[in-house]
Amino acid sequence: MNNEIVDKICDETIKYARQSGNMIYKVRPLVDHLNKKFSELREPFGKEFSIDEAMEPYNGRHSMKQFIMGIPIRYGFKFWCLTTSDGYLLRFDPYQGKAQRPKGVSLGTMVTI
């Protein structure tokens, strides 16, 4: 009986330890589902797209909270958004902090990948 409890605790610990690079592992299925639906609902997309960052205001405590000086919403969650020239959102991805990138690869390239 005691070994079963220890095994279960170890399994749960390993499961969450593997999620270290993904700070939004709890809501990742929702983000993926929304991105899929956004791309299905609007076709054809056209030829012009825009990649930009957006801030969602948040004043609480969280490790993903960002501060950007010089904009009306200074504190909040930062998202990378792919939109059409009409302003329709096709894809978004929450910013999770600085990621390791290969040498010689720019930030714009990493966002689009």
N, C-alpha and C. Protein backbone atom coordinates (compact mmCIF):
# COMPACT_ATOMS: atom_id res chain seq x y z
N MET A 1 0.83 -1.20 0.00
CA MET A 1 0.00 0.00 0.00
C MET A 1 0.87 1.26 0.00
N ASN A 2 1.89 1.26 0.82
CA ASN A 2 2.75 2.43 0.94
C ASN A 2 3.54 2.66 -0.35
N ASN A 3 3.98 1.58 -1.00
CA ASN A 3 4.73 1.71 -2.25
C ASN A 3 3.86 2.30 -3.37
N GLU A 4 2.57 1.98 -3.36
CA GLU A 4 1.67 2.52 -4.38
C GLU A 4 1.55 4.04 -4.25
N ILE A 5 1.48 4.52 -3.03
CA ILE A 5 1.38 5.96 -2.79
C ILE A 5 2.66 6.66 -3.24
N VAL A 6 3.80 6.09 -2.89
CA VAL A 6 5.08 6.67 -3.29
C VAL A 6 5.21 6.67 -4.81
N ASP A 7 4.81 5.58 -5.46
CA ASP A 7 4.86 5.51 -6.92
C ASP A 7 3.98 6.58 -7.57
N LYS A 8 2.79 6.76 -7.01
CA LYS A 8 1.88 7.77 -7.56
C LYS A 8 2.46 9.18 -7.40
N ILE A 9 3.05 9.46 -6.24
CA ILE A 9 3.67 10.76 -6.00
C ILE A 9 4.83 10.98 -6.97
N CYS A 10 5.64 9.96 -7.19
CA CYS A 10 6.78 10.07 -8.12
C CYS A 10 6.29 10.31 -9.55
N ASP A 11 5.24 9.59 -9.96
CA ASP A 11 4.71 9.78 -11.31
C ASP A 11 4.20 11.20 -11.52
N GLU A 12 3.47 11.73 -10.54
CA GLU A 12 2.95 13.10 -10.65
C GLU A 12 4.09 14.12 -10.68
N THR A 13 5.11 13.90 -9.86
CA THR A 13 6.25 14.81 -9.82
C THR A 13 6.98 14.83 -11.16
N ILE A 14 7.20 13.66 -11.73
CA ILE A 14 7.88 13.56 -13.02
C ILE A 14 7.04 14.22 -14.11
N LYS A 15 5.72 14.02 -14.06
CA LYS A 15 4.84 14.61 -15.07
C LYS A 15 4.96 16.14 -15.08
N TYR A 16 4.98 16.76 -13.90
CA TYR A 16 5.07 18.22 -13.84
C TYR A 16 6.50 18.72 -14.03
N ALA A 17 7.49 17.92 -13.71
CA ALA A 17 8.88 18.32 -13.92
C ALA A 17 9.19 18.43 -15.41
N ARG A 18 8.56 17.60 -16.22
CA ARG A 18 8.79 17.64 -17.67
C ARG A 18 8.15 18.86 -18.31
N GLN A 19 7.27 19.54 -17.60
CA GLN A 19 6.60 20.72 -18.13
C GLN A 19 7.38 22.00 -17.82
N SER A 20 8.63 21.91 -17.43
CA SER A 20 9.37 23.09 -16.97
C SER A 20 9.48 24.19 -18.02
N GLY A 21 9.58 23.85 -19.29
CA GLY A 21 9.69 24.87 -20.33
C GLY A 21 8.35 25.44 -20.75
N ASN A 22 7.27 24.85 -20.28
CA ASN A 22 5.93 25.27 -20.68
C ASN A 22 5.19 25.79 -19.45
N MET A 23 5.23 27.10 -19.24
CA MET A 23 4.63 27.69 -18.04
C MET A 23 3.11 27.69 -18.10
N ILE A 24 2.54 27.45 -19.26
CA ILE A 24 1.09 27.45 -19.38
C ILE A 24 0.55 26.06 -19.68
N TYR A 25 1.20 25.03 -19.15
CA TYR A 25 0.81 23.66 -19.46
C TYR A 25 -0.64 23.36 -19.10
N LYS A 26 -1.20 24.07 -18.13
CA LYS A 26 -2.58 23.82 -17.74
C LYS A 26 -3.57 24.33 -18.78
N VAL A 27 -3.25 25.41 -19.44
CA VAL A 27 -4.16 25.98 -20.43
C VAL A 27 -3.69 25.77 -21.87
N ARG A 28 -2.59 25.06 -22.07
CA ARG A 28 -2.07 24.82 -23.42
C ARG A 28 -3.11 24.12 -24.31
N PRO A 29 -3.86 23.11 -23.83
CA PRO A 29 -4.88 22.52 -24.70
C PRO A 29 -5.93 23.54 -25.17
N LEU A 30 -6.31 24.47 -24.31
CA LEU A 30 -7.27 25.51 -24.68
C LEU A 30 -6.68 26.45 -25.74
N VAL A 31 -5.45 26.86 -25.56
CA VAL A 31 -4.78 27.74 -26.53
C VAL A 31 -4.69 27.05 -27.88
N ASP A 32 -4.30 25.78 -27.89
CA ASP A 32 -4.20 25.04 -29.15
C ASP A 32 -5.57 24.91 -29.83
N HIS A 33 -6.60 24.63 -29.04
CA HIS A 33 -7.96 24.50 -29.59
C HIS A 33 -8.42 25.83 -30.20
N LEU A 34 -8.20 26.93 -29.49
CA LEU A 34 -8.61 28.24 -30.00
C LEU A 34 -7.86 28.60 -31.28
N ASN A 35 -6.56 28.33 -31.32
CA ASN A 35 -5.78 28.61 -32.54
C ASN A 35 -6.30 27.81 -33.73
N LYS A 36 -6.68 26.56 -33.48
CA LYS A 36 -7.22 25.72 -34.54
C LYS A 36 -8.55 26.29 -35.04
N LYS A 37 -9.42 26.69 -34.12
CA LYS A 37 -10.73 27.23 -34.50
C LYS A 37 -10.60 28.57 -35.22
N PHE A 38 -9.68 29.43 -34.78
CA PHE A 38 -9.48 30.72 -35.44
C PHE A 38 -9.10 30.52 -36.90
N SER A 39 -8.23 29.56 -37.17
CA SER A 39 -7.79 29.35 -38.55
C SER A 39 -8.88 28.69 -39.39
N GLU A 40 -9.77 27.91 -38.77
CA GLU A 40 -10.85 27.26 -39.52
C GLU A 40 -11.98 28.23 -39.86
N LEU A 41 -12.23 29.20 -39.00
CA LEU A 41 -13.39 30.08 -39.17
C LEU A 41 -13.22 31.13 -40.25
N ARG A 42 -12.01 31.46 -40.58
CA ARG A 42 -11.79 32.57 -41.52
C ARG A 42 -10.91 32.12 -42.67
N GLU A 43 -11.51 31.86 -43.81
CA GLU A 43 -10.75 31.53 -45.01
C GLU A 43 -11.39 32.23 -46.18
N PRO A 44 -10.75 32.69 -47.19
CA PRO A 44 -9.29 32.74 -47.34
C PRO A 44 -8.68 33.87 -46.52
N PHE A 45 -7.43 33.72 -46.20
CA PHE A 45 -6.76 34.65 -45.30
C PHE A 45 -6.23 35.89 -46.00
N GLY A 46 -5.95 35.82 -47.26
CA GLY A 46 -5.34 36.95 -47.94
C GLY A 46 -3.83 36.76 -48.01
N LYS A 47 -3.13 37.83 -48.36
CA LYS A 47 -1.69 37.73 -48.55
C LYS A 47 -0.89 38.53 -47.53
N GLU A 48 -1.54 39.40 -46.79
CA GLU A 48 -0.82 40.27 -45.86
C GLU A 48 -1.17 39.90 -44.42
N PHE A 49 -0.12 39.70 -43.62
CA PHE A 49 -0.28 39.32 -42.22
C PHE A 49 0.56 40.25 -41.35
N SER A 50 0.23 40.27 -40.08
CA SER A 50 0.97 41.08 -39.13
C SER A 50 1.25 40.25 -37.89
N ILE A 51 2.49 40.33 -37.40
CA ILE A 51 2.85 39.69 -36.14
C ILE A 51 3.19 40.80 -35.16
N ASP A 52 2.48 40.82 -34.04
CA ASP A 52 2.67 41.89 -33.08
C ASP A 52 2.46 41.34 -31.68
N GLU A 53 2.88 42.12 -30.71
CA GLU A 53 2.66 41.72 -29.32
C GLU A 53 1.44 42.47 -28.78
N ALA A 54 0.73 41.82 -27.87
CA ALA A 54 -0.43 42.43 -27.23
C ALA A 54 -0.32 42.19 -25.73
N MET A 55 -0.86 43.13 -24.95
CA MET A 55 -0.84 43.00 -23.49
C MET A 55 -2.26 42.85 -22.97
N GLU A 56 -2.45 41.89 -22.11
CA GLU A 56 -3.71 41.71 -21.40
C GLU A 56 -3.48 42.19 -19.97
N PRO A 57 -4.21 43.20 -19.50
CA PRO A 57 -3.93 43.77 -18.18
C PRO A 57 -4.10 42.75 -17.06
N TYR A 58 -3.16 42.79 -16.11
CA TYR A 58 -3.21 41.91 -14.94
C TYR A 58 -2.40 42.57 -13.84
N ASN A 59 -3.01 42.75 -12.67
CA ASN A 59 -2.33 43.42 -11.57
C ASN A 59 -1.95 42.48 -10.44
N GLY A 60 -2.29 41.21 -10.55
CA GLY A 60 -1.95 40.26 -9.50
C GLY A 60 -0.51 39.80 -9.59
N ARG A 61 -0.22 38.74 -8.87
CA ARG A 61 1.13 38.16 -8.88
C ARG A 61 1.16 36.92 -9.74
N HIS A 62 2.11 36.87 -10.63
CA HIS A 62 2.29 35.69 -11.48
C HIS A 62 3.67 35.78 -12.12
N SER A 63 4.30 34.65 -12.32
CA SER A 63 5.66 34.65 -12.87
C SER A 63 5.71 35.06 -14.34
N MET A 64 4.59 35.00 -15.04
CA MET A 64 4.56 35.38 -16.45
C MET A 64 4.21 36.85 -16.66
N LYS A 65 3.94 37.59 -15.59
CA LYS A 65 3.55 38.99 -15.72
C LYS A 65 4.72 39.80 -16.26
N GLN A 66 4.42 40.68 -17.22
CA GLN A 66 5.43 41.50 -17.88
C GLN A 66 5.21 42.97 -17.58
N PHE A 67 6.27 43.75 -17.70
CA PHE A 67 6.21 45.20 -17.57
C PHE A 67 6.78 45.82 -18.83
N ILE A 68 6.01 46.70 -19.46
CA ILE A 68 6.49 47.41 -20.64
C ILE A 68 6.24 48.90 -20.40
N MET A 69 7.31 49.66 -20.37
CA MET A 69 7.20 51.10 -20.13
C MET A 69 6.76 51.81 -21.42
N GLY A 70 5.97 52.84 -21.26
CA GLY A 70 5.60 53.66 -22.40
C GLY A 70 4.31 53.27 -23.09
N ILE A 71 3.57 52.33 -22.55
CA ILE A 71 2.27 51.99 -23.12
C ILE A 71 1.22 52.13 -22.04
N PRO A 72 -0.05 52.32 -22.41
CA PRO A 72 -1.09 52.52 -21.40
C PRO A 72 -1.25 51.35 -20.43
N ILE A 73 -1.15 50.13 -20.93
CA ILE A 73 -1.24 48.96 -20.06
C ILE A 73 0.19 48.51 -19.77
N ARG A 74 0.69 48.82 -18.58
CA ARG A 74 2.09 48.55 -18.28
C ARG A 74 2.33 47.15 -17.74
N TYR A 75 1.39 46.62 -16.96
CA TYR A 75 1.56 45.31 -16.35
C TYR A 75 0.52 44.35 -16.90
N GLY A 76 0.95 43.15 -17.20
CA GLY A 76 0.00 42.16 -17.67
C GLY A 76 0.69 41.00 -18.36
N PHE A 77 -0.12 40.20 -19.01
CA PHE A 77 0.38 39.06 -19.77
C PHE A 77 0.62 39.49 -21.21
N LYS A 78 1.73 39.07 -21.76
CA LYS A 78 2.11 39.45 -23.12
C LYS A 78 1.81 38.28 -24.05
N PHE A 79 1.23 38.59 -25.20
CA PHE A 79 0.91 37.58 -26.20
C PHE A 79 1.51 37.99 -27.54
N TRP A 80 1.98 37.00 -28.30
CA TRP A 80 2.36 37.22 -29.69
C TRP A 80 1.14 36.85 -30.52
N CYS A 81 0.74 37.73 -31.44
CA CYS A 81 -0.49 37.54 -32.21
C CYS A 81 -0.20 37.61 -33.70
N LEU A 82 -0.78 36.68 -34.45
CA LEU A 82 -0.74 36.69 -35.91
C LEU A 82 -2.12 37.11 -36.38
N THR A 83 -2.20 38.23 -37.10
CA THR A 83 -3.49 38.74 -37.57
C THR A 83 -3.45 39.00 -39.07
N THR A 84 -4.64 39.06 -39.66
CA THR A 84 -4.75 39.42 -41.07
C THR A 84 -4.73 40.93 -41.19
N SER A 85 -4.73 41.42 -42.42
CA SER A 85 -4.76 42.87 -42.63
C SER A 85 -6.09 43.47 -42.18
N ASP A 86 -7.13 42.63 -42.05
CA ASP A 86 -8.44 43.08 -41.55
C ASP A 86 -8.47 43.17 -40.03
N GLY A 87 -7.45 42.64 -39.37
CA GLY A 87 -7.43 42.63 -37.91
C GLY A 87 -7.97 41.35 -37.30
N TYR A 88 -8.24 40.33 -38.12
CA TYR A 88 -8.75 39.06 -37.62
C TYR A 88 -7.61 38.26 -37.02
N LEU A 89 -7.78 37.78 -35.80
CA LEU A 89 -6.76 37.00 -35.11
C LEU A 89 -6.74 35.58 -35.64
N LEU A 90 -5.59 35.14 -36.15
CA LEU A 90 -5.44 33.79 -36.66
C LEU A 90 -4.76 32.87 -35.67
N ARG A 91 -3.84 33.42 -34.89
CA ARG A 91 -3.07 32.61 -33.96
C ARG A 91 -2.51 33.51 -32.88
N PHE A 92 -2.43 33.00 -31.66
CA PHE A 92 -1.79 33.72 -30.57
C PHE A 92 -1.01 32.74 -29.72
N ASP A 93 0.01 33.26 -29.07
CA ASP A 93 0.83 32.43 -28.20
C ASP A 93 1.30 33.27 -27.03
N PRO A 94 1.04 32.83 -25.82
CA PRO A 94 1.49 33.60 -24.65
C PRO A 94 3.01 33.63 -24.56
N TYR A 95 3.55 34.79 -24.23
CA TYR A 95 4.99 34.95 -24.04
C TYR A 95 5.35 34.33 -22.69
N GLN A 96 6.32 33.42 -22.69
CA GLN A 96 6.68 32.69 -21.48
C GLN A 96 8.08 33.00 -20.99
N GLY A 97 8.63 34.09 -21.44
CA GLY A 97 9.97 34.45 -21.01
C GLY A 97 10.98 34.17 -22.10
N LYS A 98 12.20 34.56 -21.82
CA LYS A 98 13.27 34.41 -22.79
C LYS A 98 13.53 32.93 -23.04
N ALA A 99 13.61 32.56 -24.30
CA ALA A 99 13.88 31.18 -24.69
C ALA A 99 15.27 31.09 -25.30
N GLN A 100 15.85 29.91 -25.21
CA GLN A 100 17.13 29.68 -25.86
C GLN A 100 16.91 29.63 -27.36
N ARG A 101 17.71 30.35 -28.11
CA ARG A 101 17.60 30.31 -29.56
C ARG A 101 18.97 30.07 -30.16
N PRO A 102 19.01 29.42 -31.31
CA PRO A 102 20.29 29.16 -31.96
C PRO A 102 20.99 30.45 -32.33
N LYS A 103 22.30 30.40 -32.36
CA LYS A 103 23.09 31.58 -32.70
C LYS A 103 22.81 32.00 -34.14
N GLY A 104 22.64 33.30 -34.35
CA GLY A 104 22.38 33.82 -35.68
C GLY A 104 20.91 33.87 -36.05
N VAL A 105 20.02 33.45 -35.14
CA VAL A 105 18.58 33.48 -35.41
C VAL A 105 17.99 34.68 -34.69
N SER A 106 17.26 35.52 -35.42
CA SER A 106 16.70 36.73 -34.83
C SER A 106 15.41 36.44 -34.07
N LEU A 107 14.96 37.42 -33.28
CA LEU A 107 13.73 37.28 -32.51
C LEU A 107 12.53 37.11 -33.44
N GLY A 108 12.48 37.85 -34.52
CA GLY A 108 11.37 37.74 -35.46
C GLY A 108 11.25 36.34 -36.05
N THR A 109 12.38 35.73 -36.34
CA THR A 109 12.37 34.37 -36.86
C THR A 109 11.86 33.39 -35.81
N MET A 110 12.27 33.58 -34.56
CA MET A 110 11.82 32.69 -33.49
C MET A 110 10.31 32.82 -33.26
N VAL A 111 9.77 34.02 -33.38
CA VAL A 111 8.34 34.22 -33.17
C VAL A 111 7.54 33.55 -34.27
N THR A 112 8.02 33.65 -35.51
CA THR A 112 7.27 33.06 -36.62
C THR A 112 7.39 31.55 -36.67
N ILE A 113 8.43 31.00 -36.10
CA ILE A 113 8.57 29.54 -36.06
C ILE A 113 7.64 29.03 -35.02
